[in-house]
């Protein structure tokens, strides 16, 4: 067993879904918003396009850049040492924007990408699509 934690990030440009591999085979567990309040807040922001604590006109006065918000979330949680490796799936245009906006420290963690929207796929379908990527990342990091 490895101690390498991989976050598999699925984005369609608006929504974000994160699955976690804890260094054991190809198994991916969905990150539960109840276990990470900042993830719940990000979800609220993505759905509503305004901050959780925003009120009135100030809550909608600024257009939300979903991709940048998602990247900021990842960068913040990497600083908190919540993951070691990163893999991303998103439609080609979103993936391009995502990769351009990734800070260097996250780019270095990238072990693979899939240029497709997998946000609505089942967990087992996602595991199968990322199996080789996750296993290769674990092997390389160990």
N, C-alpha and C. Protein backbone atom coordinates (compact mmCIF):
# COMPACT_ATOMS: atom_id res chain seq x y z
N UNK A 1 0.84 -1.18 0.00
CA UNK A 1 0.00 0.00 0.00
C UNK A 1 0.88 1.25 0.00
N UNK A 2 0.46 2.23 -0.73
CA UNK A 2 1.18 3.49 -0.86
C UNK A 2 0.46 4.59 -0.07
N UNK A 3 1.19 5.61 0.31
CA UNK A 3 0.58 6.76 0.98
C UNK A 3 0.23 7.87 0.01
N UNK A 4 0.33 7.62 -1.27
CA UNK A 4 0.08 8.63 -2.29
C UNK A 4 -1.43 8.86 -2.44
N UNK A 5 -1.83 10.10 -2.28
CA UNK A 5 -3.25 10.47 -2.44
C UNK A 5 -3.42 11.20 -3.76
N UNK A 6 -4.29 10.67 -4.58
CA UNK A 6 -4.56 11.26 -5.90
C UNK A 6 -5.98 11.79 -5.91
N UNK A 7 -6.11 13.02 -6.36
CA UNK A 7 -7.43 13.58 -6.61
C UNK A 7 -7.71 13.52 -8.09
N UNK A 8 -8.80 12.88 -8.45
CA UNK A 8 -9.28 12.84 -9.83
C UNK A 8 -10.38 13.90 -9.91
N UNK A 9 -10.14 14.92 -10.70
CA UNK A 9 -11.03 16.07 -10.78
C UNK A 9 -11.81 16.02 -12.09
N UNK A 10 -13.12 16.07 -11.96
CA UNK A 10 -13.99 16.09 -13.14
C UNK A 10 -14.67 17.45 -13.18
N UNK A 11 -14.56 18.12 -14.30
CA UNK A 11 -15.17 19.44 -14.44
C UNK A 11 -15.83 19.55 -15.80
N UNK A 12 -16.97 20.19 -15.82
CA UNK A 12 -17.60 20.50 -17.10
C UNK A 12 -17.54 22.00 -17.37
N UNK A 13 -16.76 22.70 -16.56
CA UNK A 13 -16.63 24.14 -16.69
C UNK A 13 -17.50 24.88 -15.69
N UNK A 14 -18.56 24.24 -15.29
CA UNK A 14 -19.44 24.84 -14.28
C UNK A 14 -19.41 24.05 -12.98
N UNK A 15 -19.52 22.75 -13.08
CA UNK A 15 -19.56 21.90 -11.90
C UNK A 15 -18.24 21.17 -11.74
N UNK A 16 -17.96 20.79 -10.50
CA UNK A 16 -16.74 20.08 -10.17
C UNK A 16 -17.10 18.86 -9.33
N UNK A 17 -16.48 17.75 -9.65
CA UNK A 17 -16.65 16.51 -8.89
C UNK A 17 -15.25 15.97 -8.63
N UNK A 18 -14.99 15.58 -7.40
CA UNK A 18 -13.67 15.08 -7.03
C UNK A 18 -13.79 13.67 -6.49
N UNK A 19 -12.94 12.80 -7.01
CA UNK A 19 -12.83 11.44 -6.52
C UNK A 19 -11.42 11.25 -6.00
N UNK A 20 -11.28 10.43 -4.98
CA UNK A 20 -9.99 10.28 -4.31
C UNK A 20 -9.51 8.84 -4.37
N UNK A 21 -8.23 8.68 -4.68
CA UNK A 21 -7.55 7.39 -4.57
C UNK A 21 -6.54 7.54 -3.45
N UNK A 22 -6.57 6.62 -2.51
CA UNK A 22 -5.69 6.71 -1.34
C UNK A 22 -4.48 5.80 -1.46
N UNK A 23 -4.08 5.50 -2.70
CA UNK A 23 -2.88 4.71 -2.91
C UNK A 23 -3.11 3.22 -2.95
N UNK A 24 -4.37 2.81 -3.03
CA UNK A 24 -4.70 1.39 -3.07
C UNK A 24 -5.37 1.06 -4.39
N UNK A 25 -4.63 0.44 -5.29
CA UNK A 25 -5.20 0.03 -6.57
C UNK A 25 -5.83 1.18 -7.32
N UNK A 26 -6.92 0.87 -8.02
CA UNK A 26 -7.57 1.89 -8.84
C UNK A 26 -8.82 2.47 -8.18
N UNK A 27 -9.13 2.04 -6.97
CA UNK A 27 -10.36 2.45 -6.29
C UNK A 27 -10.43 3.96 -6.11
N UNK A 28 -11.58 4.53 -6.45
CA UNK A 28 -11.84 5.96 -6.29
C UNK A 28 -13.06 6.13 -5.40
N UNK A 29 -12.95 7.03 -4.45
CA UNK A 29 -14.04 7.35 -3.54
C UNK A 29 -14.47 8.78 -3.81
N UNK A 30 -15.75 9.01 -3.91
CA UNK A 30 -16.26 10.36 -4.16
C UNK A 30 -16.04 11.22 -2.91
N UNK A 31 -15.48 12.41 -3.11
CA UNK A 31 -15.34 13.36 -2.01
C UNK A 31 -16.72 13.84 -1.62
N UNK A 32 -17.06 13.68 -0.37
CA UNK A 32 -18.37 14.05 0.14
C UNK A 32 -18.33 15.48 0.67
N UNK A 33 -19.24 16.31 0.20
CA UNK A 33 -19.29 17.71 0.63
C UNK A 33 -19.52 17.83 2.13
N UNK A 34 -20.16 16.84 2.74
CA UNK A 34 -20.38 16.87 4.19
C UNK A 34 -19.06 16.73 4.95
N UNK A 35 -18.07 16.11 4.32
CA UNK A 35 -16.78 15.90 4.97
C UNK A 35 -15.82 17.07 4.79
N UNK A 36 -16.14 17.96 3.88
CA UNK A 36 -15.25 19.09 3.59
C UNK A 36 -16.11 20.32 3.30
N UNK A 37 -16.36 21.14 4.30
CA UNK A 37 -17.25 22.30 4.12
C UNK A 37 -16.87 23.22 2.96
N UNK A 38 -15.58 23.38 2.70
CA UNK A 38 -15.17 24.24 1.59
C UNK A 38 -15.63 23.68 0.25
N UNK A 39 -15.75 22.36 0.16
CA UNK A 39 -16.23 21.72 -1.07
C UNK A 39 -17.72 22.01 -1.24
N UNK A 40 -18.46 21.98 -0.14
CA UNK A 40 -19.89 22.32 -0.18
C UNK A 40 -20.07 23.78 -0.59
N UNK A 41 -19.23 24.66 -0.06
CA UNK A 41 -19.31 26.08 -0.41
C UNK A 41 -19.00 26.29 -1.89
N UNK A 42 -18.00 25.55 -2.40
CA UNK A 42 -17.67 25.66 -3.82
C UNK A 42 -18.85 25.20 -4.66
N UNK A 43 -19.47 24.11 -4.28
CA UNK A 43 -20.65 23.62 -5.00
C UNK A 43 -21.76 24.65 -5.02
N UNK A 44 -22.00 25.29 -3.90
CA UNK A 44 -23.02 26.33 -3.82
C UNK A 44 -22.68 27.48 -4.77
N UNK A 45 -21.42 27.88 -4.75
CA UNK A 45 -20.96 28.96 -5.62
C UNK A 45 -21.16 28.61 -7.09
N UNK A 46 -20.81 27.39 -7.46
CA UNK A 46 -20.92 26.96 -8.86
C UNK A 46 -22.38 26.94 -9.31
N UNK A 47 -23.26 26.45 -8.46
CA UNK A 47 -24.67 26.34 -8.81
C UNK A 47 -25.35 27.70 -8.86
N UNK A 48 -25.05 28.54 -7.88
CA UNK A 48 -25.76 29.80 -7.76
C UNK A 48 -25.04 31.00 -8.37
N UNK A 49 -23.77 30.85 -8.65
CA UNK A 49 -23.03 31.95 -9.26
C UNK A 49 -22.82 33.13 -8.33
N UNK A 50 -22.92 32.89 -7.03
CA UNK A 50 -22.69 33.96 -6.06
C UNK A 50 -22.17 33.35 -4.77
N UNK A 51 -21.44 34.14 -3.99
CA UNK A 51 -20.89 33.63 -2.74
C UNK A 51 -21.98 33.19 -1.77
N UNK A 52 -21.65 32.23 -0.93
CA UNK A 52 -22.59 31.69 0.04
C UNK A 52 -23.12 32.77 0.98
N UNK A 53 -22.27 33.72 1.37
CA UNK A 53 -22.71 34.74 2.31
C UNK A 53 -23.12 36.04 1.62
N UNK A 54 -23.20 36.04 0.30
CA UNK A 54 -23.61 37.26 -0.42
C UNK A 54 -25.07 37.55 -0.23
N UNK A 55 -25.41 38.83 -0.22
CA UNK A 55 -26.81 39.21 -0.10
C UNK A 55 -27.11 40.33 -1.07
N UNK A 56 -28.34 40.42 -1.45
CA UNK A 56 -28.79 41.53 -2.29
C UNK A 56 -28.00 41.68 -3.57
N UNK A 57 -27.87 42.91 -4.04
CA UNK A 57 -27.17 43.20 -5.29
C UNK A 57 -25.70 42.83 -5.25
N UNK A 58 -25.07 42.93 -4.08
CA UNK A 58 -23.64 42.62 -4.00
C UNK A 58 -23.35 41.16 -4.28
N UNK A 59 -24.33 40.29 -4.05
CA UNK A 59 -24.13 38.86 -4.26
C UNK A 59 -24.06 38.51 -5.73
N UNK A 60 -24.67 39.28 -6.58
CA UNK A 60 -24.68 38.97 -7.99
C UNK A 60 -23.99 40.04 -8.83
N UNK A 61 -23.34 40.99 -8.17
CA UNK A 61 -22.73 42.09 -8.90
C UNK A 61 -21.47 41.67 -9.66
N UNK A 62 -20.88 40.55 -9.28
CA UNK A 62 -19.64 40.10 -9.89
C UNK A 62 -19.87 38.74 -10.55
N UNK A 63 -19.52 38.62 -11.81
CA UNK A 63 -19.65 37.33 -12.50
C UNK A 63 -18.59 36.38 -11.98
N UNK A 64 -19.00 35.17 -11.70
CA UNK A 64 -18.10 34.16 -11.15
C UNK A 64 -17.36 33.46 -12.30
N UNK A 65 -16.05 33.34 -12.16
CA UNK A 65 -15.23 32.57 -13.08
C UNK A 65 -15.11 31.17 -12.47
N UNK A 66 -15.98 30.27 -12.90
CA UNK A 66 -16.05 28.94 -12.29
C UNK A 66 -14.73 28.20 -12.34
N UNK A 67 -14.06 28.24 -13.48
CA UNK A 67 -12.80 27.50 -13.61
C UNK A 67 -11.77 28.05 -12.63
N UNK A 68 -11.67 29.36 -12.53
CA UNK A 68 -10.71 29.94 -11.59
C UNK A 68 -11.07 29.61 -10.15
N UNK A 69 -12.35 29.61 -9.83
CA UNK A 69 -12.78 29.22 -8.48
C UNK A 69 -12.40 27.78 -8.18
N UNK A 70 -12.55 26.90 -9.16
CA UNK A 70 -12.20 25.50 -8.99
C UNK A 70 -10.69 25.35 -8.79
N UNK A 71 -9.91 26.07 -9.56
CA UNK A 71 -8.46 26.01 -9.44
C UNK A 71 -8.01 26.57 -8.09
N UNK A 72 -8.62 27.67 -7.67
CA UNK A 72 -8.29 28.24 -6.36
C UNK A 72 -8.57 27.22 -5.25
N UNK A 73 -9.69 26.51 -5.37
CA UNK A 73 -10.05 25.48 -4.40
C UNK A 73 -8.97 24.39 -4.37
N UNK A 74 -8.55 23.93 -5.55
CA UNK A 74 -7.51 22.89 -5.61
C UNK A 74 -6.20 23.39 -5.02
N UNK A 75 -5.79 24.60 -5.37
CA UNK A 75 -4.53 25.15 -4.86
C UNK A 75 -4.57 25.27 -3.34
N UNK A 76 -5.68 25.75 -2.80
CA UNK A 76 -5.83 25.90 -1.36
C UNK A 76 -5.72 24.55 -0.66
N UNK A 77 -6.36 23.53 -1.22
CA UNK A 77 -6.35 22.23 -0.57
C UNK A 77 -5.05 21.47 -0.79
N UNK A 78 -4.33 21.81 -1.84
CA UNK A 78 -2.98 21.25 -1.98
C UNK A 78 -2.07 21.84 -0.90
N UNK A 79 -2.22 23.14 -0.63
CA UNK A 79 -1.43 23.76 0.44
C UNK A 79 -1.74 23.14 1.79
N UNK A 80 -2.95 22.62 1.95
CA UNK A 80 -3.34 21.94 3.18
C UNK A 80 -2.91 20.48 3.18
N UNK A 81 -2.15 20.08 2.13
CA UNK A 81 -1.59 18.74 2.00
C UNK A 81 -2.66 17.66 1.93
N UNK A 82 -3.72 17.94 1.16
CA UNK A 82 -4.82 16.98 1.05
C UNK A 82 -4.65 16.01 -0.11
N UNK A 83 -3.74 16.32 -1.05
CA UNK A 83 -3.48 15.39 -2.15
C UNK A 83 -2.05 15.56 -2.63
N UNK A 84 -1.55 14.48 -3.28
CA UNK A 84 -0.18 14.46 -3.79
C UNK A 84 -0.13 14.52 -5.31
N UNK A 85 -1.15 13.92 -5.96
CA UNK A 85 -1.20 13.86 -7.41
C UNK A 85 -2.57 14.32 -7.88
N UNK A 86 -2.62 14.70 -9.16
CA UNK A 86 -3.84 15.27 -9.72
C UNK A 86 -4.05 14.73 -11.12
N UNK A 87 -5.29 14.32 -11.40
CA UNK A 87 -5.69 13.92 -12.75
C UNK A 87 -6.99 14.66 -13.05
N UNK A 88 -7.17 15.06 -14.29
CA UNK A 88 -8.32 15.88 -14.64
C UNK A 88 -9.03 15.33 -15.87
N UNK A 89 -10.36 15.38 -15.81
CA UNK A 89 -11.18 15.09 -16.99
C UNK A 89 -12.13 16.27 -17.18
N UNK A 90 -12.18 16.76 -18.41
CA UNK A 90 -13.06 17.87 -18.75
C UNK A 90 -13.18 17.92 -20.27
N UNK A 91 -14.26 18.52 -20.77
CA UNK A 91 -14.34 18.69 -22.22
C UNK A 91 -13.10 19.44 -22.71
N UNK A 92 -12.70 19.20 -23.94
CA UNK A 92 -11.44 19.73 -24.46
C UNK A 92 -11.27 21.23 -24.23
N UNK A 93 -12.30 22.03 -24.50
CA UNK A 93 -12.16 23.48 -24.33
C UNK A 93 -11.99 23.86 -22.86
N UNK A 94 -12.70 23.18 -21.98
CA UNK A 94 -12.59 23.45 -20.55
C UNK A 94 -11.23 22.98 -20.04
N UNK A 95 -10.78 21.82 -20.50
CA UNK A 95 -9.48 21.29 -20.10
C UNK A 95 -8.37 22.24 -20.49
N UNK A 96 -8.45 22.81 -21.68
CA UNK A 96 -7.44 23.77 -22.13
C UNK A 96 -7.40 24.98 -21.20
N UNK A 97 -8.57 25.54 -20.88
CA UNK A 97 -8.64 26.70 -19.97
C UNK A 97 -8.13 26.31 -18.58
N UNK A 98 -8.51 25.15 -18.13
CA UNK A 98 -8.11 24.67 -16.82
C UNK A 98 -6.59 24.58 -16.73
N UNK A 99 -5.98 23.94 -17.71
CA UNK A 99 -4.53 23.74 -17.69
C UNK A 99 -3.77 25.06 -17.81
N UNK A 100 -4.29 25.99 -18.59
CA UNK A 100 -3.65 27.31 -18.71
C UNK A 100 -3.68 28.08 -17.40
N UNK A 101 -4.72 27.89 -16.62
CA UNK A 101 -4.88 28.63 -15.37
C UNK A 101 -4.25 27.94 -14.17
N UNK A 102 -3.86 26.67 -14.31
CA UNK A 102 -3.27 25.95 -13.19
C UNK A 102 -1.95 26.59 -12.77
N UNK A 103 -1.76 26.81 -11.48
CA UNK A 103 -0.45 27.29 -11.03
C UNK A 103 0.60 26.19 -11.21
N UNK A 104 1.83 26.60 -11.28
CA UNK A 104 2.92 25.67 -11.56
C UNK A 104 2.97 24.51 -10.58
N UNK A 105 2.73 24.78 -9.29
CA UNK A 105 2.81 23.70 -8.30
C UNK A 105 1.76 22.61 -8.56
N UNK A 106 0.61 22.97 -9.13
CA UNK A 106 -0.40 21.97 -9.46
C UNK A 106 -0.08 21.29 -10.80
N UNK A 107 0.47 22.03 -11.73
CA UNK A 107 0.85 21.46 -13.02
C UNK A 107 1.86 20.32 -12.81
N UNK A 108 2.76 20.51 -11.87
CA UNK A 108 3.77 19.49 -11.56
C UNK A 108 3.16 18.21 -10.99
N UNK A 109 1.97 18.31 -10.43
CA UNK A 109 1.31 17.15 -9.83
C UNK A 109 0.47 16.36 -10.83
N UNK A 110 0.27 16.93 -12.02
CA UNK A 110 -0.59 16.30 -13.03
C UNK A 110 0.00 14.98 -13.50
N UNK A 111 -0.81 13.93 -13.40
CA UNK A 111 -0.36 12.61 -13.86
C UNK A 111 -1.14 12.15 -15.09
N UNK A 112 -2.19 12.88 -15.44
CA UNK A 112 -2.96 12.49 -16.61
C UNK A 112 -4.20 13.34 -16.78
N UNK A 113 -4.75 13.23 -17.97
CA UNK A 113 -5.95 14.00 -18.30
C UNK A 113 -6.77 13.23 -19.33
N UNK A 114 -8.06 13.50 -19.31
CA UNK A 114 -8.97 12.95 -20.31
C UNK A 114 -9.82 14.10 -20.80
N UNK A 115 -9.80 14.33 -22.10
CA UNK A 115 -10.53 15.46 -22.70
C UNK A 115 -11.97 15.07 -23.01
N UNK A 116 -12.73 14.77 -21.94
CA UNK A 116 -14.14 14.41 -22.06
C UNK A 116 -14.86 14.84 -20.78
N UNK A 117 -16.15 15.07 -20.90
CA UNK A 117 -16.96 15.36 -19.73
C UNK A 117 -17.39 14.04 -19.09
N UNK A 118 -16.85 13.74 -17.94
CA UNK A 118 -17.18 12.50 -17.23
C UNK A 118 -17.99 12.78 -15.97
N UNK A 119 -18.47 14.00 -15.81
CA UNK A 119 -19.15 14.39 -14.58
C UNK A 119 -20.41 13.57 -14.31
N UNK A 120 -21.03 13.01 -15.33
CA UNK A 120 -22.26 12.24 -15.11
C UNK A 120 -22.03 10.73 -15.20
N UNK A 121 -20.78 10.31 -15.43
CA UNK A 121 -20.48 8.88 -15.49
C UNK A 121 -20.54 8.27 -14.09
N UNK A 122 -20.74 6.96 -14.04
CA UNK A 122 -20.77 6.27 -12.75
C UNK A 122 -19.35 6.17 -12.18
N UNK A 123 -19.27 5.93 -10.90
CA UNK A 123 -17.98 5.79 -10.24
C UNK A 123 -17.16 4.67 -10.88
N UNK A 124 -17.78 3.54 -11.19
CA UNK A 124 -17.03 2.43 -11.79
C UNK A 124 -16.54 2.78 -13.20
N UNK A 125 -17.34 3.52 -13.96
CA UNK A 125 -16.89 3.95 -15.29
C UNK A 125 -15.69 4.89 -15.17
N UNK A 126 -15.73 5.79 -14.19
CA UNK A 126 -14.62 6.73 -13.99
C UNK A 126 -13.38 5.97 -13.53
N UNK A 127 -13.55 5.03 -12.60
CA UNK A 127 -12.42 4.20 -12.15
C UNK A 127 -11.76 3.50 -13.33
N UNK A 128 -12.57 2.92 -14.20
CA UNK A 128 -12.03 2.21 -15.36
C UNK A 128 -11.28 3.16 -16.29
N UNK A 129 -11.81 4.35 -16.50
CA UNK A 129 -11.16 5.31 -17.40
C UNK A 129 -9.84 5.82 -16.82
N UNK A 130 -9.76 5.93 -15.50
CA UNK A 130 -8.56 6.49 -14.87
C UNK A 130 -7.64 5.42 -14.28
N UNK A 131 -7.99 4.15 -14.37
CA UNK A 131 -7.22 3.09 -13.72
C UNK A 131 -5.74 3.15 -14.08
N UNK A 132 -5.41 3.16 -15.36
CA UNK A 132 -4.00 3.17 -15.77
C UNK A 132 -3.29 4.43 -15.32
N UNK A 133 -3.97 5.57 -15.40
CA UNK A 133 -3.38 6.85 -15.00
C UNK A 133 -3.06 6.84 -13.50
N UNK A 134 -4.04 6.43 -12.69
CA UNK A 134 -3.85 6.41 -11.24
C UNK A 134 -2.77 5.43 -10.84
N UNK A 135 -2.81 4.21 -11.38
CA UNK A 135 -1.82 3.20 -11.03
C UNK A 135 -0.41 3.62 -11.44
N UNK A 136 -0.26 4.23 -12.61
CA UNK A 136 1.05 4.71 -13.06
C UNK A 136 1.55 5.84 -12.16
N UNK A 137 0.66 6.72 -11.74
CA UNK A 137 1.03 7.81 -10.85
C UNK A 137 1.51 7.30 -9.50
N UNK A 138 0.78 6.32 -8.96
CA UNK A 138 1.18 5.74 -7.67
C UNK A 138 2.55 5.07 -7.78
N UNK A 139 2.73 4.31 -8.84
CA UNK A 139 4.00 3.60 -9.05
C UNK A 139 5.17 4.58 -9.16
N UNK A 140 4.95 5.64 -9.93
CA UNK A 140 6.01 6.63 -10.15
C UNK A 140 6.34 7.38 -8.85
N UNK A 141 5.32 7.70 -8.05
CA UNK A 141 5.53 8.45 -6.82
C UNK A 141 6.10 7.61 -5.67
N UNK A 142 5.92 6.30 -5.76
CA UNK A 142 6.37 5.42 -4.65
C UNK A 142 7.85 5.17 -4.69
